[in-house]
Amino acid sequence: MRADVRWLPTHPPAATPEETYSKVPTHLAIAATLVSTALLIFSLRIYTRIRLLRFFGIDDCLMLVSVSP
């Protein structure tokens, strides 16, 4: 009885586009857009409360503490 030897490729098969495409730049762009939009809205709220309404409540203080690093 003879063992059958199979041919083995010397290099791996080419990667498909799904394997080589990275979604990291897209995710970073989405995250940066959402964070900057949230900070803009927060800044406008603080500006409105301080300059226009002249009332800065405890909720605004808590928001300010939560945003600061």
PDB file of N, CA and C in Angstrom:
ATOM      1  N   MET A   1       0.847  -1.167   0.000  1.00  0.00           N
ATOM      2  CA  MET A   1       0.000   0.000   0.000  1.00  0.00           C
ATOM      3  C   MET A   1       0.898   1.238   0.000  1.00  0.00           C
ATOM      4  N   ARG A   2       0.583   2.162  -0.852  1.00  0.00           N
ATOM      5  CA  ARG A   2       1.398   3.348  -1.029  1.00  0.00           C
ATOM      6  C   ARG A   2       0.687   4.573  -0.443  1.00  0.00           C
ATOM      7  N   ALA A   3       1.421   5.425   0.315  1.00  0.00           N
ATOM      8  CA  ALA A   3       0.849   6.659   0.875  1.00  0.00           C
ATOM      9  C   ALA A   3       0.802   7.718  -0.214  1.00  0.00           C
ATOM     10  N   ASP A   4      -0.312   8.396  -0.309  1.00  0.00           N
ATOM     11  CA  ASP A   4      -0.489   9.439  -1.308  1.00  0.00           C
ATOM     12  C   ASP A   4       0.021  10.768  -0.753  1.00  0.00           C
ATOM     13  N   VAL A   5       0.974  11.386  -1.415  1.00  0.00           N
ATOM     14  CA  VAL A   5       1.528  12.664  -0.997  1.00  0.00           C
ATOM     15  C   VAL A   5       0.815  13.761  -1.762  1.00  0.00           C
ATOM     16  N   ARG A   6       0.319  14.730  -1.025  1.00  0.00           N
ATOM     17  CA  ARG A   6      -0.394  15.834  -1.663  1.00  0.00           C
ATOM     18  C   ARG A   6       0.544  17.016  -1.862  1.00  0.00           C
ATOM     19  N   TRP A   7       0.242  17.790  -2.866  1.00  0.00           N
ATOM     20  CA  TRP A   7       1.033  18.983  -3.138  1.00  0.00           C
ATOM     21  C   TRP A   7       0.645  20.084  -2.156  1.00  0.00           C
ATOM     22  N   LEU A   8       1.627  20.682  -1.489  1.00  0.00           N
ATOM     23  CA  LEU A   8       1.385  21.775  -0.555  1.00  0.00           C
ATOM     24  C   LEU A   8       1.843  23.077  -1.185  1.00  0.00           C
ATOM     25  N   PRO A   9       1.026  24.113  -1.101  1.00  0.00           N
ATOM     26  CA  PRO A   9       1.440  25.393  -1.689  1.00  0.00           C
ATOM     27  C   PRO A   9       2.590  25.999  -0.887  1.00  0.00           C
ATOM     28  N   THR A  10       3.453  26.720  -1.560  1.00  0.00           N
ATOM     29  CA  THR A  10       4.604  27.330  -0.894  1.00  0.00           C
ATOM     30  C   THR A  10       4.266  28.684  -0.288  1.00  0.00           C
ATOM     31  N   HIS A  11       3.175  29.276  -0.655  1.00  0.00           N
ATOM     32  CA  HIS A  11       2.755  30.559  -0.101  1.00  0.00           C
ATOM     33  C   HIS A  11       1.267  30.486   0.258  1.00  0.00           C
ATOM     34  N   PRO A  12       0.849  31.289   1.259  1.00  0.00           N
ATOM     35  CA  PRO A  12      -0.566  31.252   1.640  1.00  0.00           C
ATOM     36  C   PRO A  12      -1.435  31.861   0.550  1.00  0.00           C
ATOM     37  N   PRO A  13      -2.693  31.495   0.517  1.00  0.00           N
ATOM     38  CA  PRO A  13      -3.584  32.076  -0.498  1.00  0.00           C
ATOM     39  C   PRO A  13      -3.764  33.572  -0.265  1.00  0.00           C
ATOM     40  N   ALA A  14      -4.086  34.278  -1.311  1.00  0.00           N
ATOM     41  CA  ALA A  14      -4.280  35.732  -1.215  1.00  0.00           C
ATOM     42  C   ALA A  14      -5.448  36.040  -0.297  1.00  0.00           C
ATOM     43  N   ALA A  15      -5.287  37.100   0.477  1.00  0.00           N
ATOM     44  CA  ALA A  15      -6.335  37.503   1.415  1.00  0.00           C
ATOM     45  C   ALA A  15      -7.487  38.156   0.660  1.00  0.00           C
ATOM     46  N   THR A  16      -8.676  37.941   1.158  1.00  0.00           N
ATOM     47  CA  THR A  16      -9.853  38.565   0.567  1.00  0.00           C
ATOM     48  C   THR A  16      -9.927  40.024   1.021  1.00  0.00           C
ATOM     49  N   PRO A  17     -10.655  40.871   0.324  1.00  0.00           N
ATOM     50  CA  PRO A  17     -10.766  42.282   0.737  1.00  0.00           C
ATOM     51  C   PRO A  17     -11.323  42.440   2.151  1.00  0.00           C
ATOM     52  N   GLU A  18     -12.204  41.533   2.581  1.00  0.00           N
ATOM     53  CA  GLU A  18     -12.761  41.630   3.929  1.00  0.00           C
ATOM     54  C   GLU A  18     -11.691  41.415   4.992  1.00  0.00           C
ATOM     55  N   GLU A  19     -10.670  40.630   4.675  1.00  0.00           N
ATOM     56  CA  GLU A  19      -9.618  40.351   5.642  1.00  0.00           C
ATOM     57  C   GLU A  19      -8.593  41.475   5.711  1.00  0.00           C
ATOM     58  N   THR A  20      -8.411  42.213   4.623  1.00  0.00           N
ATOM     59  CA  THR A  20      -7.394  43.261   4.605  1.00  0.00           C
ATOM     60  C   THR A  20      -7.950  44.633   4.951  1.00  0.00           C
ATOM     61  N   TYR A  21      -9.233  44.847   4.841  1.00  0.00           N
ATOM     62  CA  TYR A  21      -9.839  46.155   5.102  1.00  0.00           C
ATOM     63  C   TYR A  21     -10.025  46.348   6.592  1.00  0.00           C
ATOM     64  N   SER A  22      -9.550  47.458   7.108  1.00  0.00           N
ATOM     65  CA  SER A  22      -9.688  47.770   8.523  1.00  0.00           C
ATOM     66  C   SER A  22     -10.753  48.849   8.706  1.00  0.00           C
ATOM     67  N   LYS A  23     -11.628  48.643   9.668  1.00  0.00           N
ATOM     68  CA  LYS A  23     -12.682  49.617   9.941  1.00  0.00           C
ATOM     69  C   LYS A  23     -12.291  50.590  11.043  1.00  0.00           C
ATOM     70  N   VAL A  24     -11.055  50.514  11.510  1.00  0.00           N
ATOM     71  CA  VAL A  24     -10.614  51.384  12.593  1.00  0.00           C
ATOM     72  C   VAL A  24     -10.709  52.860  12.221  1.00  0.00           C
ATOM     73  N   PRO A  25     -10.228  53.307  11.060  1.00  0.00           N
ATOM     74  CA  PRO A  25     -10.361  54.733  10.726  1.00  0.00           C
ATOM     75  C   PRO A  25     -11.819  55.207  10.699  1.00  0.00           C
ATOM     76  N   THR A  26     -12.711  54.370  10.211  1.00  0.00           N
ATOM     77  CA  THR A  26     -14.123  54.731  10.180  1.00  0.00           C
ATOM     78  C   THR A  26     -14.677  54.873  11.584  1.00  0.00           C
ATOM     79  N   HIS A  27     -14.332  53.939  12.449  1.00  0.00           N
ATOM     80  CA  HIS A  27     -14.818  54.001  13.832  1.00  0.00           C
ATOM     81  C   HIS A  27     -14.246  55.206  14.567  1.00  0.00           C
ATOM     82  N   LEU A  28     -12.981  55.526  14.331  1.00  0.00           N
ATOM     83  CA  LEU A  28     -12.390  56.711  14.956  1.00  0.00           C
ATOM     84  C   LEU A  28     -13.059  57.992  14.461  1.00  0.00           C
ATOM     85  N   ALA A  29     -13.370  58.058  13.193  1.00  0.00           N
ATOM     86  CA  ALA A  29     -14.037  59.251  12.645  1.00  0.00           C
ATOM     87  C   ALA A  29     -15.430  59.409  13.236  1.00  0.00           C
ATOM     88  N   ILE A  30     -16.155  58.319  13.376  1.00  0.00           N
ATOM     89  CA  ILE A  30     -17.498  58.381  13.967  1.00  0.00           C
ATOM     90  C   ILE A  30     -17.415  58.804  15.420  1.00  0.00           C
ATOM     91  N   ALA A  31     -16.489  58.226  16.169  1.00  0.00           N
ATOM     92  CA  ALA A  31     -16.339  58.572  17.588  1.00  0.00           C
ATOM     93  C   ALA A  31     -15.941  60.032  17.752  1.00  0.00           C
ATOM     94  N   ALA A  32     -15.004  60.501  16.940  1.00  0.00           N
ATOM     95  CA  ALA A  32     -14.573  61.899  17.031  1.00  0.00           C
ATOM     96  C   ALA A  32     -15.718  62.854  16.689  1.00  0.00           C
ATOM     97  N   THR A  33     -16.517  62.502  15.700  1.00  0.00           N
ATOM     98  CA  THR A  33     -17.651  63.343  15.321  1.00  0.00           C
ATOM     99  C   THR A  33     -18.680  63.417  16.444  1.00  0.00           C
ATOM    100  N   LEU A  34     -18.998  62.280  17.036  1.00  0.00           N
ATOM    101  CA  LEU A  34     -19.990  62.261  18.114  1.00  0.00           C
ATOM    102  C   LEU A  34     -19.497  62.992  19.355  1.00  0.00           C
ATOM    103  N   VAL A  35     -18.238  62.802  19.708  1.00  0.00           N
ATOM    104  CA  VAL A  35     -17.692  63.480  20.888  1.00  0.00           C
ATOM    105  C   VAL A  35     -17.642  64.985  20.665  1.00  0.00           C
ATOM    106  N   SER A  36     -17.191  65.414  19.496  1.00  0.00           N
ATOM    107  CA  SER A  36     -17.129  66.857  19.238  1.00  0.00           C
ATOM    108  C   SER A  36     -18.518  67.488  19.186  1.00  0.00           C
ATOM    109  N   THR A  37     -19.500  66.774  18.655  1.00  0.00           N
ATOM    110  CA  THR A  37     -20.875  67.283  18.643  1.00  0.00           C
ATOM    111  C   THR A  37     -21.421  67.398  20.063  1.00  0.00           C
ATOM    112  N   ALA A  38     -21.155  66.396  20.880  1.00  0.00           N
ATOM    113  CA  ALA A  38     -21.614  66.436  22.275  1.00  0.00           C
ATOM    114  C   ALA A  38     -20.962  67.582  23.037  1.00  0.00           C
ATOM    115  N   LEU A  39     -19.668  67.795  22.823  1.00  0.00           N
ATOM    116  CA  LEU A  39     -18.987  68.902  23.505  1.00  0.00           C
ATOM    117  C   LEU A  39     -19.474  70.258  23.022  1.00  0.00           C
ATOM    118  N   LEU A  40     -19.803  70.358  21.751  1.00  0.00           N
ATOM    119  CA  LEU A  40     -20.345  71.610  21.231  1.00  0.00           C
ATOM    120  C   LEU A  40     -21.700  71.916  21.863  1.00  0.00           C
ATOM    121  N   ILE A  41     -22.562  70.927  21.936  1.00  0.00           N
ATOM    122  CA  ILE A  41     -23.880  71.121  22.549  1.00  0.00           C
ATOM    123  C   ILE A  41     -23.739  71.455  24.031  1.00  0.00           C
ATOM    124  N   PHE A  42     -22.821  70.770  24.696  1.00  0.00           N
ATOM    125  CA  PHE A  42     -22.577  71.052  26.113  1.00  0.00           C
ATOM    126  C   PHE A  42     -22.076  72.483  26.299  1.00  0.00           C
ATOM    127  N   SER A  43     -21.144  72.905  25.460  1.00  0.00           N
ATOM    128  CA  SER A  43     -20.619  74.271  25.561  1.00  0.00           C
ATOM    129  C   SER A  43     -21.704  75.316  25.314  1.00  0.00           C
ATOM    130  N   LEU A  44     -22.569  75.050  24.351  1.00  0.00           N
ATOM    131  CA  LEU A  44     -23.667  75.987  24.092  1.00  0.00           C
ATOM    132  C   LEU A  44     -24.645  76.049  25.266  1.00  0.00           C
ATOM    133  N   ARG A  45     -24.875  74.919  25.910  1.00  0.00           N
ATOM    134  CA  ARG A  45     -25.754  74.910  27.083  1.00  0.00           C
ATOM    135  C   ARG A  45     -25.142  75.731  28.224  1.00  0.00           C
ATOM    136  N   ILE A  46     -23.852  75.529  28.476  1.00  0.00           N
ATOM    137  CA  ILE A  46     -23.180  76.280  29.547  1.00  0.00           C
ATOM    138  C   ILE A  46     -23.198  77.771  29.225  1.00  0.00           C
ATOM    139  N   TYR A  47     -22.906  78.124  27.982  1.00  0.00           N
ATOM    140  CA  TYR A  47     -22.936  79.530  27.575  1.00  0.00           C
ATOM    141  C   TYR A  47     -24.326  80.127  27.796  1.00  0.00           C
ATOM    142  N   THR A  48     -25.350  79.398  27.391  1.00  0.00           N
ATOM    143  CA  THR A  48     -26.722  79.885  27.540  1.00  0.00           C
ATOM    144  C   THR A  48     -27.076  80.069  29.004  1.00  0.00           C
ATOM    145  N   ARG A  49     -26.719  79.113  29.837  1.00  0.00           N
ATOM    146  CA  ARG A  49     -27.068  79.183  31.260  1.00  0.00           C
ATOM    147  C   ARG A  49     -26.342  80.332  31.963  1.00  0.00           C
ATOM    148  N   ILE A  50     -25.076  80.567  31.608  1.00  0.00           N
ATOM    149  CA  ILE A  50     -24.302  81.597  32.307  1.00  0.00           C
ATOM    150  C   ILE A  50     -24.592  82.995  31.752  1.00  0.00           C
ATOM    151  N   ARG A  51     -24.508  83.162  30.436  1.00  0.00           N
ATOM    152  CA  ARG A  51     -24.584  84.499  29.849  1.00  0.00           C
ATOM    153  C   ARG A  51     -26.014  84.991  29.634  1.00  0.00           C
ATOM    154  N   LEU A  52     -26.883  84.116  29.174  1.00  0.00           N
ATOM    155  CA  LEU A  52     -28.222  84.575  28.820  1.00  0.00           C
ATOM    156  C   LEU A  52     -29.206  84.462  29.982  1.00  0.00           C
ATOM    157  N   LEU A  53     -29.223  83.316  30.650  1.00  0.00           N
ATOM    158  CA  LEU A  53     -30.177  83.117  31.740  1.00  0.00           C
ATOM    159  C   LEU A  53     -29.650  83.597  33.089  1.00  0.00           C
ATOM    160  N   ARG A  54     -28.329  83.706  33.196  1.00  0.00           N
ATOM    161  CA  ARG A  54     -27.665  84.089  34.441  1.00  0.00           C
ATOM    162  C   ARG A  54     -28.084  83.192  35.608  1.00  0.00           C
ATOM    163  N   PHE A  55     -28.201  81.902  35.297  1.00  0.00           N
ATOM    164  CA  PHE A  55     -28.537  80.913  36.322  1.00  0.00           C
ATOM    165  C   PHE A  55     -27.765  79.636  36.018  1.00  0.00           C
ATOM    166  N   PHE A  56     -26.934  79.231  36.961  1.00  0.00           N
ATOM    167  CA  PHE A  56     -26.112  78.035  36.817  1.00  0.00           C
ATOM    168  C   PHE A  56     -26.480  77.098  37.949  1.00  0.00           C
ATOM    169  N   GLY A  57     -27.288  76.079  37.644  1.00  0.00           N
ATOM    170  CA  GLY A  57     -27.818  75.196  38.670  1.00  0.00           C
ATOM    171  C   GLY A  57     -26.913  74.031  38.999  1.00  0.00           C
ATOM    172  N   ILE A  58     -27.389  73.211  39.947  1.00  0.00           N
ATOM    173  CA  ILE A  58     -26.630  72.044  40.378  1.00  0.00           C
ATOM    174  C   ILE A  58     -26.485  71.030  39.243  1.00  0.00           C
ATOM    175  N   ASP A  59     -27.490  70.927  38.381  1.00  0.00           N
ATOM    176  CA  ASP A  59     -27.381  70.002  37.242  1.00  0.00           C
ATOM    177  C   ASP A  59     -26.263  70.420  36.303  1.00  0.00           C
ATOM    178  N   ASP A  60     -26.088  71.723  36.124  1.00  0.00           N
ATOM    179  CA  ASP A  60     -24.997  72.210  35.285  1.00  0.00           C
ATOM    180  C   ASP A  60     -23.646  71.949  35.935  1.00  0.00           C
ATOM    181  N   CYS A  61     -23.571  72.113  37.224  1.00  0.00           N
ATOM    182  CA  CYS A  61     -22.328  71.808  37.951  1.00  0.00           C
ATOM    183  C   CYS A  61     -21.959  70.336  37.822  1.00  0.00           C
ATOM    184  N   LEU A  62     -22.943  69.466  37.936  1.00  0.00           N
ATOM    185  CA  LEU A  62     -22.685  68.025  37.818  1.00  0.00           C
ATOM    186  C   LEU A  62     -22.264  67.665  36.395  1.00  0.00           C
ATOM    187  N   MET A  63     -22.877  68.314  35.414  1.00  0.00           N
ATOM    188  CA  MET A  63     -22.457  68.076  34.027  1.00  0.00           C
ATOM    189  C   MET A  63     -21.024  68.537  33.798  1.00  0.00           C
ATOM    190  N   LEU A  64     -20.678  69.669  34.374  1.00  0.00           N
ATOM    191  CA  LEU A  64     -19.330  70.193  34.229  1.00  0.00           C
ATOM    192  C   LEU A  64     -18.300  69.272  34.878  1.00  0.00           C
ATOM    193  N   VAL A  65     -18.638  68.719  36.044  1.00  0.00           N
ATOM    194  CA  VAL A  65     -17.743  67.781  36.731  1.00  0.00           C
ATOM    195  C   VAL A  65     -17.594  66.491  35.919  1.00  0.00           C
ATOM    196  N   SER A  66     -18.671  66.024  35.330  1.00  0.00           N
ATOM    197  CA  SER A  66     -18.603  64.770  34.577  1.00  0.00           C
ATOM    198  C   SER A  66     -17.810  64.919  33.275  1.00  0.00           C
ATOM    199  N   VAL A  67     -17.780  66.097  32.695  1.00  0.00           N
ATOM    200  CA  VAL A  67     -17.062  66.312  31.444  1.00  0.00           C
ATOM    201  C   VAL A  67     -15.570  66.537  31.695  1.00  0.00           C
ATOM    202  N   SER A  68     -15.225  67.141  32.810  1.00  0.00           N
ATOM    203  CA  SER A  68     -13.810  67.444  33.069  1.00  0.00           C
ATOM    204  C   SER A  68     -13.049  66.146  33.360  1.00  0.00           C
ATOM    205  N   PRO A  69     -11.811  66.082  32.864  1.00  0.00           N
ATOM    206  CA  PRO A  69     -11.032  64.834  33.044  1.00  0.00           C
ATOM    207  C   PRO A  69     -10.581  64.588  34.449  1.00  0.00           C
TER     208      PRO A  69
END
